[in-house]
């Protein structure tokens, strides 16, 4: 899907590295999210989304610092503390399952 969108939307120009791997910058990821939103949630056609993305102000707003912060808030990264709590909970759960297995045998 992304490679097709790269052909359809000239604004998407990921850098390519060894092995022809594509690397997307934050602004490009936000633009991809905006394209997805236009196509799948707002009902735009490819041509309609292209027309919308020719508006420089629209693209600038979609890839602004505010948009980046909003996107990061929607998908927060786990802190080390949350990760250690999750690991501890998993360990406790495993030991409880082990105890249940002993009872069942």
PDB file of N, CA and C in Angstrom:
ATOM      1  N   UNK A   1       0.820  -1.173   0.000  1.00  0.00           N
ATOM      2  CA  UNK A   1       0.000   0.000   0.000  1.00  0.00           C
ATOM      3  C   UNK A   1       0.877   1.254   0.000  1.00  0.00           C
ATOM      4  N   UNK A   2       1.919   1.279   0.830  1.00  0.00           N
ATOM      5  CA  UNK A   2       2.763   2.471   0.900  1.00  0.00           C
ATOM      6  C   UNK A   2       3.468   2.747  -0.419  1.00  0.00           C
ATOM      7  N   UNK A   3       3.935   1.716  -1.058  1.00  0.00           N
ATOM      8  CA  UNK A   3       4.622   1.929  -2.339  1.00  0.00           C
ATOM      9  C   UNK A   3       3.651   2.464  -3.385  1.00  0.00           C
ATOM     10  N   UNK A   4       2.425   2.005  -3.356  1.00  0.00           N
ATOM     11  CA  UNK A   4       1.415   2.537  -4.268  1.00  0.00           C
ATOM     12  C   UNK A   4       1.171   4.009  -3.963  1.00  0.00           C
ATOM     13  N   UNK A   5       1.044   4.325  -2.677  1.00  0.00           N
ATOM     14  CA  UNK A   5       0.818   5.718  -2.298  1.00  0.00           C
ATOM     15  C   UNK A   5       2.013   6.594  -2.687  1.00  0.00           C
ATOM     16  N   UNK A   6       3.216   6.041  -2.632  1.00  0.00           N
ATOM     17  CA  UNK A   6       4.391   6.803  -3.061  1.00  0.00           C
ATOM     18  C   UNK A   6       4.284   7.169  -4.534  1.00  0.00           C
ATOM     19  N   UNK A   7       3.701   6.272  -5.328  1.00  0.00           N
ATOM     20  CA  UNK A   7       3.509   6.558  -6.753  1.00  0.00           C
ATOM     21  C   UNK A   7       2.416   7.602  -6.965  1.00  0.00           C
ATOM     22  N   UNK A   8       1.371   7.535  -6.175  1.00  0.00           N
ATOM     23  CA  UNK A   8       0.221   8.420  -6.343  1.00  0.00           C
ATOM     24  C   UNK A   8       0.414   9.803  -5.720  1.00  0.00           C
ATOM     25  N   UNK A   9       1.158   9.871  -4.632  1.00  0.00           N
ATOM     26  CA  UNK A   9       1.330  11.126  -3.910  1.00  0.00           C
ATOM     27  C   UNK A   9       2.796  11.537  -3.953  1.00  0.00           C
ATOM     28  N   UNK A  10       3.143  12.503  -4.787  1.00  0.00           N
ATOM     29  CA  UNK A  10       4.554  12.901  -4.923  1.00  0.00           C
ATOM     30  C   UNK A  10       5.148  13.499  -3.651  1.00  0.00           C
ATOM     31  N   UNK A  11       4.307  13.870  -2.697  1.00  0.00           N
ATOM     32  CA  UNK A  11       4.806  14.416  -1.437  1.00  0.00           C
ATOM     33  C   UNK A  11       5.536  13.353  -0.620  1.00  0.00           C
ATOM     34  N   UNK A  12       5.226  12.097  -0.870  1.00  0.00           N
ATOM     35  CA  UNK A  12       5.881  10.998  -0.143  1.00  0.00           C
ATOM     36  C   UNK A  12       7.163  10.612  -0.871  1.00  0.00           C
ATOM     37  N   UNK A  13       8.278  10.994  -0.297  1.00  0.00           N
ATOM     38  CA  UNK A  13       9.578  10.661  -0.873  1.00  0.00           C
ATOM     39  C   UNK A  13      10.494  10.139   0.230  1.00  0.00           C
ATOM     40  N   UNK A  14      10.286   8.886   0.689  1.00  0.00           N
ATOM     41  CA  UNK A  14      11.159   8.371   1.759  1.00  0.00           C
ATOM     42  C   UNK A  14      12.578   8.194   1.244  1.00  0.00           C
ATOM     43  N   UNK A  15      13.525   8.345   2.150  1.00  0.00           N
ATOM     44  CA  UNK A  15      14.904   8.098   1.749  1.00  0.00           C
ATOM     45  C   UNK A  15      15.088   6.591   1.617  1.00  0.00           C
ATOM     46  N   UNK A  16      15.915   6.221   0.663  1.00  0.00           N
ATOM     47  CA  UNK A  16      16.177   4.794   0.428  1.00  0.00           C
ATOM     48  C   UNK A  16      17.620   4.510   0.771  1.00  0.00           C
ATOM     49  N   UNK A  17      17.808   3.393   1.428  1.00  0.00           N
ATOM     50  CA  UNK A  17      19.148   2.999   1.843  1.00  0.00           C
ATOM     51  C   UNK A  17      19.492   1.656   1.230  1.00  0.00           C
ATOM     52  N   UNK A  18      20.545   1.083   1.715  1.00  0.00           N
ATOM     53  CA  UNK A  18      21.029  -0.192   1.195  1.00  0.00           C
ATOM     54  C   UNK A  18      19.895  -1.211   1.115  1.00  0.00           C
ATOM     55  N   UNK A  19      19.853  -1.950   0.036  1.00  0.00           N
ATOM     56  CA  UNK A  19      18.818  -2.958  -0.148  1.00  0.00           C
ATOM     57  C   UNK A  19      17.485  -2.339  -0.532  1.00  0.00           C
ATOM     58  N   UNK A  20      17.507  -1.074  -0.947  1.00  0.00           N
ATOM     59  CA  UNK A  20      16.305  -0.348  -1.365  1.00  0.00           C
ATOM     60  C   UNK A  20      15.276  -0.236  -0.235  1.00  0.00           C
ATOM     61  N   UNK A  21      15.748  -0.237   1.009  1.00  0.00           N
ATOM     62  CA  UNK A  21      14.858  -0.085   2.164  1.00  0.00           C
ATOM     63  C   UNK A  21      14.458   1.365   2.297  1.00  0.00           C
ATOM     64  N   UNK A  22      13.193   1.572   2.606  1.00  0.00           N
ATOM     65  CA  UNK A  22      12.675   2.923   2.742  1.00  0.00           C
ATOM     66  C   UNK A  22      12.688   3.346   4.209  1.00  0.00           C
ATOM     67  N   UNK A  23      13.100   4.575   4.451  1.00  0.00           N
ATOM     68  CA  UNK A  23      13.107   5.153   5.784  1.00  0.00           C
ATOM     69  C   UNK A  23      12.268   6.417   5.756  1.00  0.00           C
ATOM     70  N   UNK A  24      11.218   6.424   6.565  1.00  0.00           N
ATOM     71  CA  UNK A  24      10.288   7.538   6.604  1.00  0.00           C
ATOM     72  C   UNK A  24      10.614   8.453   7.776  1.00  0.00           C
ATOM     73  N   UNK A  25      10.642   9.748   7.511  1.00  0.00           N
ATOM     74  CA  UNK A  25      10.824  10.746   8.560  1.00  0.00           C
ATOM     75  C   UNK A  25       9.475  10.971   9.240  1.00  0.00           C
ATOM     76  N   UNK A  26       9.506  11.652  10.385  1.00  0.00           N
ATOM     77  CA  UNK A  26       8.285  11.888  11.151  1.00  0.00           C
ATOM     78  C   UNK A  26       7.222  12.609  10.330  1.00  0.00           C
ATOM     79  N   UNK A  27       7.625  13.610   9.574  1.00  0.00           N
ATOM     80  CA  UNK A  27       6.667  14.369   8.769  1.00  0.00           C
ATOM     81  C   UNK A  27       6.008  13.479   7.715  1.00  0.00           C
ATOM     82  N   UNK A  28       6.781  12.560   7.146  1.00  0.00           N
ATOM     83  CA  UNK A  28       6.223  11.650   6.147  1.00  0.00           C
ATOM     84  C   UNK A  28       5.236  10.677   6.778  1.00  0.00           C
ATOM     85  N   UNK A  29       5.534  10.219   7.989  1.00  0.00           N
ATOM     86  CA  UNK A  29       4.616   9.318   8.688  1.00  0.00           C
ATOM     87  C   UNK A  29       3.301  10.040   8.973  1.00  0.00           C
ATOM     88  N   UNK A  30       3.400  11.298   9.389  1.00  0.00           N
ATOM     89  CA  UNK A  30       2.176  12.075   9.628  1.00  0.00           C
ATOM     90  C   UNK A  30       1.398  12.280   8.347  1.00  0.00           C
ATOM     91  N   UNK A  31       2.103  12.497   7.244  1.00  0.00           N
ATOM     92  CA  UNK A  31       1.437  12.658   5.960  1.00  0.00           C
ATOM     93  C   UNK A  31       0.736  11.362   5.553  1.00  0.00           C
ATOM     94  N   UNK A  32       1.376  10.240   5.800  1.00  0.00           N
ATOM     95  CA  UNK A  32       0.762   8.938   5.509  1.00  0.00           C
ATOM     96  C   UNK A  32      -0.506   8.760   6.337  1.00  0.00           C
ATOM     97  N   UNK A  33      -0.430   9.129   7.614  1.00  0.00           N
ATOM     98  CA  UNK A  33      -1.623   9.042   8.478  1.00  0.00           C
ATOM     99  C   UNK A  33      -2.741   9.933   7.954  1.00  0.00           C
ATOM    100  N   UNK A  34      -2.383  11.124   7.462  1.00  0.00           N
ATOM    101  CA  UNK A  34      -3.384  12.051   6.932  1.00  0.00           C
ATOM    102  C   UNK A  34      -4.006  11.492   5.650  1.00  0.00           C
ATOM    103  N   UNK A  35      -3.184  10.884   4.796  1.00  0.00           N
ATOM    104  CA  UNK A  35      -3.703  10.261   3.569  1.00  0.00           C
ATOM    105  C   UNK A  35      -4.675   9.151   3.939  1.00  0.00           C
ATOM    106  N   UNK A  36      -4.282   8.335   4.889  1.00  0.00           N
ATOM    107  CA  UNK A  36      -5.148   7.234   5.350  1.00  0.00           C
ATOM    108  C   UNK A  36      -6.462   7.786   5.879  1.00  0.00           C
ATOM    109  N   UNK A  37      -6.383   8.835   6.666  1.00  0.00           N
ATOM    110  CA  UNK A  37      -7.591   9.454   7.221  1.00  0.00           C
ATOM    111  C   UNK A  37      -8.498   9.977   6.111  1.00  0.00           C
ATOM    112  N   UNK A  38      -7.900  10.645   5.127  1.00  0.00           N
ATOM    113  CA  UNK A  38      -8.698  11.181   4.017  1.00  0.00           C
ATOM    114  C   UNK A  38      -9.379  10.060   3.234  1.00  0.00           C
ATOM    115  N   UNK A  39      -8.631   9.000   2.945  1.00  0.00           N
ATOM    116  CA  UNK A  39      -9.163   7.921   2.108  1.00  0.00           C
ATOM    117  C   UNK A  39     -10.162   7.031   2.843  1.00  0.00           C
ATOM    118  N   UNK A  40      -9.826   6.623   4.051  1.00  0.00           N
ATOM    119  CA  UNK A  40     -10.630   5.611   4.723  1.00  0.00           C
ATOM    120  C   UNK A  40     -11.688   6.152   5.681  1.00  0.00           C
ATOM    121  N   UNK A  41     -11.458   7.342   6.216  1.00  0.00           N
ATOM    122  CA  UNK A  41     -12.404   7.846   7.207  1.00  0.00           C
ATOM    123  C   UNK A  41     -13.229   9.023   6.715  1.00  0.00           C
ATOM    124  N   UNK A  42     -12.665   9.817   5.800  1.00  0.00           N
ATOM    125  CA  UNK A  42     -13.402  10.970   5.293  1.00  0.00           C
ATOM    126  C   UNK A  42     -14.008  10.714   3.922  1.00  0.00           C
ATOM    127  N   UNK A  43     -13.732   9.558   3.338  1.00  0.00           N
ATOM    128  CA  UNK A  43     -14.379   9.153   2.095  1.00  0.00           C
ATOM    129  C   UNK A  43     -13.826   9.783   0.827  1.00  0.00           C
ATOM    130  N   UNK A  44     -12.632  10.342   0.873  1.00  0.00           N
ATOM    131  CA  UNK A  44     -12.037  10.919  -0.324  1.00  0.00           C
ATOM    132  C   UNK A  44     -11.605   9.814  -1.281  1.00  0.00           C
ATOM    133  N   UNK A  45     -11.612  10.126  -2.567  1.00  0.00           N
ATOM    134  CA  UNK A  45     -11.011   9.237  -3.561  1.00  0.00           C
ATOM    135  C   UNK A  45      -9.526   9.572  -3.625  1.00  0.00           C
ATOM    136  N   UNK A  46      -8.763   8.759  -4.359  1.00  0.00           N
ATOM    137  CA  UNK A  46      -7.338   9.055  -4.537  1.00  0.00           C
ATOM    138  C   UNK A  46      -7.183  10.445  -5.151  1.00  0.00           C
ATOM    139  N   UNK A  47      -7.964  10.732  -6.174  1.00  0.00           N
ATOM    140  CA  UNK A  47      -7.878  12.035  -6.839  1.00  0.00           C
ATOM    141  C   UNK A  47      -8.248  13.167  -5.885  1.00  0.00           C
ATOM    142  N   UNK A  48      -9.270  12.957  -5.068  1.00  0.00           N
ATOM    143  CA  UNK A  48      -9.677  13.970  -4.098  1.00  0.00           C
ATOM    144  C   UNK A  48      -8.618  14.216  -3.043  1.00  0.00           C
ATOM    145  N   UNK A  49      -7.992  13.134  -2.578  1.00  0.00           N
ATOM    146  CA  UNK A  49      -6.930  13.269  -1.587  1.00  0.00           C
ATOM    147  C   UNK A  49      -5.717  13.970  -2.192  1.00  0.00           C
ATOM    148  N   UNK A  50      -5.413  13.652  -3.464  1.00  0.00           N
ATOM    149  CA  UNK A  50      -4.316  14.337  -4.148  1.00  0.00           C
ATOM    150  C   UNK A  50      -4.584  15.834  -4.213  1.00  0.00           C
ATOM    151  N   UNK A  51      -5.813  16.181  -4.565  1.00  0.00           N
ATOM    152  CA  UNK A  51      -6.185  17.591  -4.661  1.00  0.00           C
ATOM    153  C   UNK A  51      -6.049  18.275  -3.302  1.00  0.00           C
ATOM    154  N   UNK A  52      -6.486  17.598  -2.257  1.00  0.00           N
ATOM    155  CA  UNK A  52      -6.396  18.161  -0.905  1.00  0.00           C
ATOM    156  C   UNK A  52      -4.936  18.371  -0.510  1.00  0.00           C
ATOM    157  N   UNK A  53      -4.076  17.433  -0.897  1.00  0.00           N
ATOM    158  CA  UNK A  53      -2.668  17.506  -0.518  1.00  0.00           C
ATOM    159  C   UNK A  53      -1.861  18.476  -1.373  1.00  0.00           C
ATOM    160  N   UNK A  54      -2.457  19.050  -2.404  1.00  0.00           N
ATOM    161  CA  UNK A  54      -1.755  20.077  -3.166  1.00  0.00           C
ATOM    162  C   UNK A  54      -1.804  21.420  -2.445  1.00  0.00           C
ATOM    163  N   UNK A  55      -2.700  21.531  -1.459  1.00  0.00           N
ATOM    164  CA  UNK A  55      -2.789  22.733  -0.641  1.00  0.00           C
ATOM    165  C   UNK A  55      -1.634  22.731   0.361  1.00  0.00           C
ATOM    166  N   UNK A  56      -0.667  23.620   0.164  1.00  0.00           N
ATOM    167  CA  UNK A  56       0.530  23.636   1.012  1.00  0.00           C
ATOM    168  C   UNK A  56       0.201  23.899   2.477  1.00  0.00           C
ATOM    169  N   UNK A  57      -0.775  24.737   2.744  1.00  0.00           N
ATOM    170  CA  UNK A  57      -1.156  25.034   4.128  1.00  0.00           C
ATOM    171  C   UNK A  57      -1.693  23.778   4.807  1.00  0.00           C
ATOM    172  N   UNK A  58      -2.489  22.998   4.079  1.00  0.00           N
ATOM    173  CA  UNK A  58      -3.035  21.757   4.627  1.00  0.00           C
ATOM    174  C   UNK A  58      -1.899  20.800   4.996  1.00  0.00           C
ATOM    175  N   UNK A  59      -0.932  20.635   4.096  1.00  0.00           N
ATOM    176  CA  UNK A  59       0.200  19.736   4.344  1.00  0.00           C
ATOM    177  C   UNK A  59       1.050  20.263   5.492  1.00  0.00           C
ATOM    178  N   UNK A  60       1.272  21.574   5.526  1.00  0.00           N
ATOM    179  CA  UNK A  60       2.069  22.160   6.600  1.00  0.00           C
ATOM    180  C   UNK A  60       1.399  21.933   7.952  1.00  0.00           C
ATOM    181  N   UNK A  61       0.080  22.111   8.014  1.00  0.00           N
ATOM    182  CA  UNK A  61      -0.655  21.872   9.261  1.00  0.00           C
ATOM    183  C   UNK A  61      -0.631  20.398   9.645  1.00  0.00           C
ATOM    184  N   UNK A  62      -0.720  19.516   8.643  1.00  0.00           N
ATOM    185  CA  UNK A  62      -0.750  18.075   8.899  1.00  0.00           C
ATOM    186  C   UNK A  62       0.584  17.552   9.406  1.00  0.00           C
ATOM    187  N   UNK A  63       1.681  18.258   9.093  1.00  0.00           N
ATOM    188  CA  UNK A  63       3.010  17.797   9.488  1.00  0.00           C
ATOM    189  C   UNK A  63       3.685  18.764  10.458  1.00  0.00           C
ATOM    190  N   UNK A  64       2.907  19.602  11.107  1.00  0.00           N
ATOM    191  CA  UNK A  64       3.454  20.602  12.030  1.00  0.00           C
ATOM    192  C   UNK A  64       3.946  19.958  13.324  1.00  0.00           C
ATOM    193  N   UNK A  65       4.642  20.755  14.105  1.00  0.00           N
ATOM    194  CA  UNK A  65       5.124  20.290  15.411  1.00  0.00           C
ATOM    195  C   UNK A  65       3.951  19.902  16.301  1.00  0.00           C
ATOM    196  N   UNK A  66       2.863  20.646  16.198  1.00  0.00           N
ATOM    197  CA  UNK A  66       1.659  20.340  16.979  1.00  0.00           C
ATOM    198  C   UNK A  66       1.090  18.975  16.582  1.00  0.00           C
ATOM    199  N   UNK A  67       1.091  18.686  15.282  1.00  0.00           N
ATOM    200  CA  UNK A  67       0.596  17.390  14.804  1.00  0.00           C
ATOM    201  C   UNK A  67       1.494  16.257  15.293  1.00  0.00           C
ATOM    202  N   UNK A  68       2.799  16.514  15.338  1.00  0.00           N
ATOM    203  CA  UNK A  68       3.739  15.503  15.829  1.00  0.00           C
ATOM    204  C   UNK A  68       3.469  15.211  17.297  1.00  0.00           C
ATOM    205  N   UNK A  69       3.282  16.260  18.087  1.00  0.00           N
ATOM    206  CA  UNK A  69       3.016  16.076  19.515  1.00  0.00           C
ATOM    207  C   UNK A  69       1.697  15.343  19.736  1.00  0.00           C
ATOM    208  N   UNK A  70       0.692  15.668  18.943  1.00  0.00           N
ATOM    209  CA  UNK A  70      -0.607  15.002  19.063  1.00  0.00           C
ATOM    210  C   UNK A  70      -0.468  13.514  18.738  1.00  0.00           C
ATOM    211  N   UNK A  71       0.271  13.194  17.680  1.00  0.00           N
ATOM    212  CA  UNK A  71       0.469  11.797  17.290  1.00  0.00           C
ATOM    213  C   UNK A  71       1.226  11.032  18.366  1.00  0.00           C
ATOM    214  N   UNK A  72       2.229  11.674  18.960  1.00  0.00           N
ATOM    215  CA  UNK A  72       2.992  11.009  20.012  1.00  0.00           C
ATOM    216  C   UNK A  72       2.137  10.788  21.250  1.00  0.00           C
ATOM    217  N   UNK A  73       1.219  11.711  21.519  1.00  0.00           N
ATOM    218  CA  UNK A  73       0.335  11.552  22.675  1.00  0.00           C
ATOM    219  C   UNK A  73      -0.643  10.403  22.460  1.00  0.00           C
ATOM    220  N   UNK A  74      -1.028  10.170  21.215  1.00  0.00           N
ATOM    221  CA  UNK A  74      -1.955   9.072  20.912  1.00  0.00           C
ATOM    222  C   UNK A  74      -1.289   7.720  21.078  1.00  0.00           C
ATOM    223  N   UNK A  75      -0.003   7.642  20.847  1.00  0.00           N
ATOM    224  CA  UNK A  75       0.733   6.380  20.947  1.00  0.00           C
ATOM    225  C   UNK A  75       1.919   6.561  21.878  1.00  0.00           C
ATOM    226  N   UNK A  76       1.673   6.706  23.180  1.00  0.00           N
ATOM    227  CA  UNK A  76       2.793   6.939  24.098  1.00  0.00           C
ATOM    228  C   UNK A  76       3.710   5.725  24.187  1.00  0.00           C
ATOM    229  N   UNK A  77       4.972   6.011  24.325  1.00  0.00           N
ATOM    230  CA  UNK A  77       5.941   4.939  24.504  1.00  0.00           C
ATOM    231  C   UNK A  77       5.962   4.541  25.962  1.00  0.00           C
ATOM    232  N   UNK A  78       6.179   3.274  26.212  1.00  0.00           N
ATOM    233  CA  UNK A  78       6.231   2.791  27.590  1.00  0.00           C
ATOM    234  C   UNK A  78       7.531   3.242  28.238  1.00  0.00           C
ATOM    235  N   UNK A  79       7.423   3.691  29.452  1.00  0.00           N
ATOM    236  CA  UNK A  79       8.630   4.058  30.187  1.00  0.00           C
ATOM    237  C   UNK A  79       9.261   2.792  30.746  1.00  0.00           C
ATOM    238  N   UNK A  80      10.499   2.922  31.210  1.00  0.00           N
ATOM    239  CA  UNK A  80      11.198   1.776  31.798  1.00  0.00           C
ATOM    240  C   UNK A  80      10.452   1.258  33.024  1.00  0.00           C
ATOM    241  N   UNK A  81       9.868   2.161  33.799  1.00  0.00           N
ATOM    242  CA  UNK A  81       9.126   1.780  34.996  1.00  0.00           C
ATOM    243  C   UNK A  81       7.905   0.934  34.614  1.00  0.00           C
ATOM    244  N   UNK A  82       7.170   1.370  33.589  1.00  0.00           N
ATOM    245  CA  UNK A  82       6.001   0.602  33.148  1.00  0.00           C
ATOM    246  C   UNK A  82       6.420  -0.762  32.630  1.00  0.00           C
ATOM    247  N   UNK A  83       7.539  -0.807  31.951  1.00  0.00           N
ATOM    248  CA  UNK A  83       8.042  -2.069  31.411  1.00  0.00           C
ATOM    249  C   UNK A  83       8.419  -3.025  32.534  1.00  0.00           C
ATOM    250  N   UNK A  84       9.064  -2.526  33.588  1.00  0.00           N
ATOM    251  CA  UNK A  84       9.450  -3.400  34.692  1.00  0.00           C
ATOM    252  C   UNK A  84       8.221  -3.901  35.447  1.00  0.00           C
ATOM    253  N   UNK A  85       7.193  -3.050  35.584  1.00  0.00           N
ATOM    254  CA  UNK A  85       5.950  -3.479  36.235  1.00  0.00           C
ATOM    255  C   UNK A  85       5.280  -4.562  35.397  1.00  0.00           C
ATOM    256  N   UNK A  86       5.254  -4.375  34.086  1.00  0.00           N
ATOM    257  CA  UNK A  86       4.651  -5.369  33.208  1.00  0.00           C
ATOM    258  C   UNK A  86       5.405  -6.693  33.287  1.00  0.00           C
ATOM    259  N   UNK A  87       6.717  -6.631  33.334  1.00  0.00           N
ATOM    260  CA  UNK A  87       7.535  -7.842  33.443  1.00  0.00           C
ATOM    261  C   UNK A  87       7.270  -8.547  34.767  1.00  0.00           C
ATOM    262  N   UNK A  88       7.164  -7.775  35.837  1.00  0.00           N
ATOM    263  CA  UNK A  88       6.878  -8.352  37.158  1.00  0.00           C
ATOM    264  C   UNK A  88       5.499  -9.006  37.171  1.00  0.00           C
ATOM    265  N   UNK A  89       4.508  -8.339  36.576  1.00  0.00           N
ATOM    266  CA  UNK A  89       3.159  -8.904  36.508  1.00  0.00           C
ATOM    267  C   UNK A  89       3.149 -10.202  35.715  1.00  0.00           C
ATOM    268  N   UNK A  90       3.894 -10.238  34.632  1.00  0.00           N
ATOM    269  CA  UNK A  90       3.971 -11.446  33.819  1.00  0.00           C
ATOM    270  C   UNK A  90       4.624 -12.580  34.611  1.00  0.00           C
ATOM    271  N   UNK A  91       5.656 -12.251  35.353  1.00  0.00           N
ATOM    272  CA  UNK A  91       6.335 -13.257  36.174  1.00  0.00           C
ATOM    273  C   UNK A  91       5.387 -13.828  37.234  1.00  0.00           C
ATOM    274  N   UNK A  92       4.626 -12.950  37.885  1.00  0.00           N
ATOM    275  CA  UNK A  92       3.651 -13.400  38.888  1.00  0.00           C
ATOM    276  C   UNK A  92       2.584 -14.285  38.255  1.00  0.00           C
ATOM    277  N   UNK A  93       2.136 -13.891  37.091  1.00  0.00           N
ATOM    278  CA  UNK A  93       1.117 -14.665  36.384  1.00  0.00           C
ATOM    279  C   UNK A  93       1.639 -16.053  36.034  1.00  0.00           C
ATOM    280  N   UNK A  94       2.888 -16.126  35.595  1.00  0.00           N
ATOM    281  CA  UNK A  94       3.495 -17.422  35.265  1.00  0.00           C
ATOM    282  C   UNK A  94       3.556 -18.326  36.496  1.00  0.00           C
ATOM    283  N   UNK A  95       3.966 -17.764  37.627  1.00  0.00           N
ATOM    284  CA  UNK A  95       4.077 -18.588  38.833  1.00  0.00           C
ATOM    285  C   UNK A  95       2.696 -19.064  39.285  1.00  0.00           C
ATOM    286  N   UNK A  96       1.678 -18.229  39.148  1.00  0.00           N
ATOM    287  CA  UNK A  96       0.313 -18.642  39.499  1.00  0.00           C
ATOM    288  C   UNK A  96      -0.168 -19.757  38.577  1.00  0.00           C
ATOM    289  N   UNK A  97       0.150 -19.650  37.288  1.00  0.00           N
ATOM    290  CA  UNK A  97      -0.222 -20.721  36.359  1.00  0.00           C
ATOM    291  C   UNK A  97       0.503 -22.018  36.694  1.00  0.00           C
ATOM    292  N   UNK A  98       1.751 -21.892  37.114  1.00  0.00           N
ATOM    293  CA  UNK A  98       2.526 -23.064  37.521  1.00  0.00           C
ATOM    294  C   UNK A  98       1.861 -23.735  38.723  1.00  0.00           C
ATOM    295  N   UNK A  99       1.404 -22.938  39.692  1.00  0.00           N
ATOM    296  CA  UNK A  99       0.730 -23.474  40.872  1.00  0.00           C
ATOM    297  C   UNK A  99      -0.564 -24.189  40.479  1.00  0.00           C
ATOM    298  N   UNK A 100      -1.315 -23.622  39.560  1.00  0.00           N
ATOM    299  CA  UNK A 100      -2.555 -24.241  39.084  1.00  0.00           C
ATOM    300  C   UNK A 100      -2.247 -25.565  38.391  1.00  0.00           C
ATOM    301  N   UNK A 101      -1.191 -25.581  37.605  1.00  0.00           N
ATOM    302  CA  UNK A 101      -0.791 -26.814  36.912  1.00  0.00           C
ATOM    303  C   UNK A 101      -0.417 -27.913  37.898  1.00  0.00           C
ATOM    304  N   UNK A 102       0.271 -27.557  38.990  1.00  0.00           N
ATOM    305  CA  UNK A 102       0.620 -28.542  40.018  1.00  0.00           C
ATOM    306  C   UNK A 102      -0.634 -29.129  40.664  1.00  0.00           C
ATOM    307  N   UNK A 103      -1.612 -28.266  40.916  1.00  0.00           N
ATOM    308  CA  UNK A 103      -2.871 -28.729  41.521  1.00  0.00           C
ATOM    309  C   UNK A 103      -3.616 -29.674  40.582  1.00  0.00           C
ATOM    310  N   UNK A 104      -3.602 -29.377  39.319  1.00  0.00           N
ATOM    311  CA  UNK A 104      -4.312 -30.204  38.338  1.00  0.00           C
ATOM    312  C   UNK A 104      -3.671 -31.556  38.134  1.00  0.00           C
ATOM    313  N   UNK A 105      -2.384 -31.677  38.367  1.00  0.00           N
ATOM    314  CA  UNK A 105      -1.696 -32.953  38.187  1.00  0.00           C
ATOM    315  C   UNK A 105      -2.020 -33.812  39.365  1.00  0.00           C
TER     316      UNK A 105
END
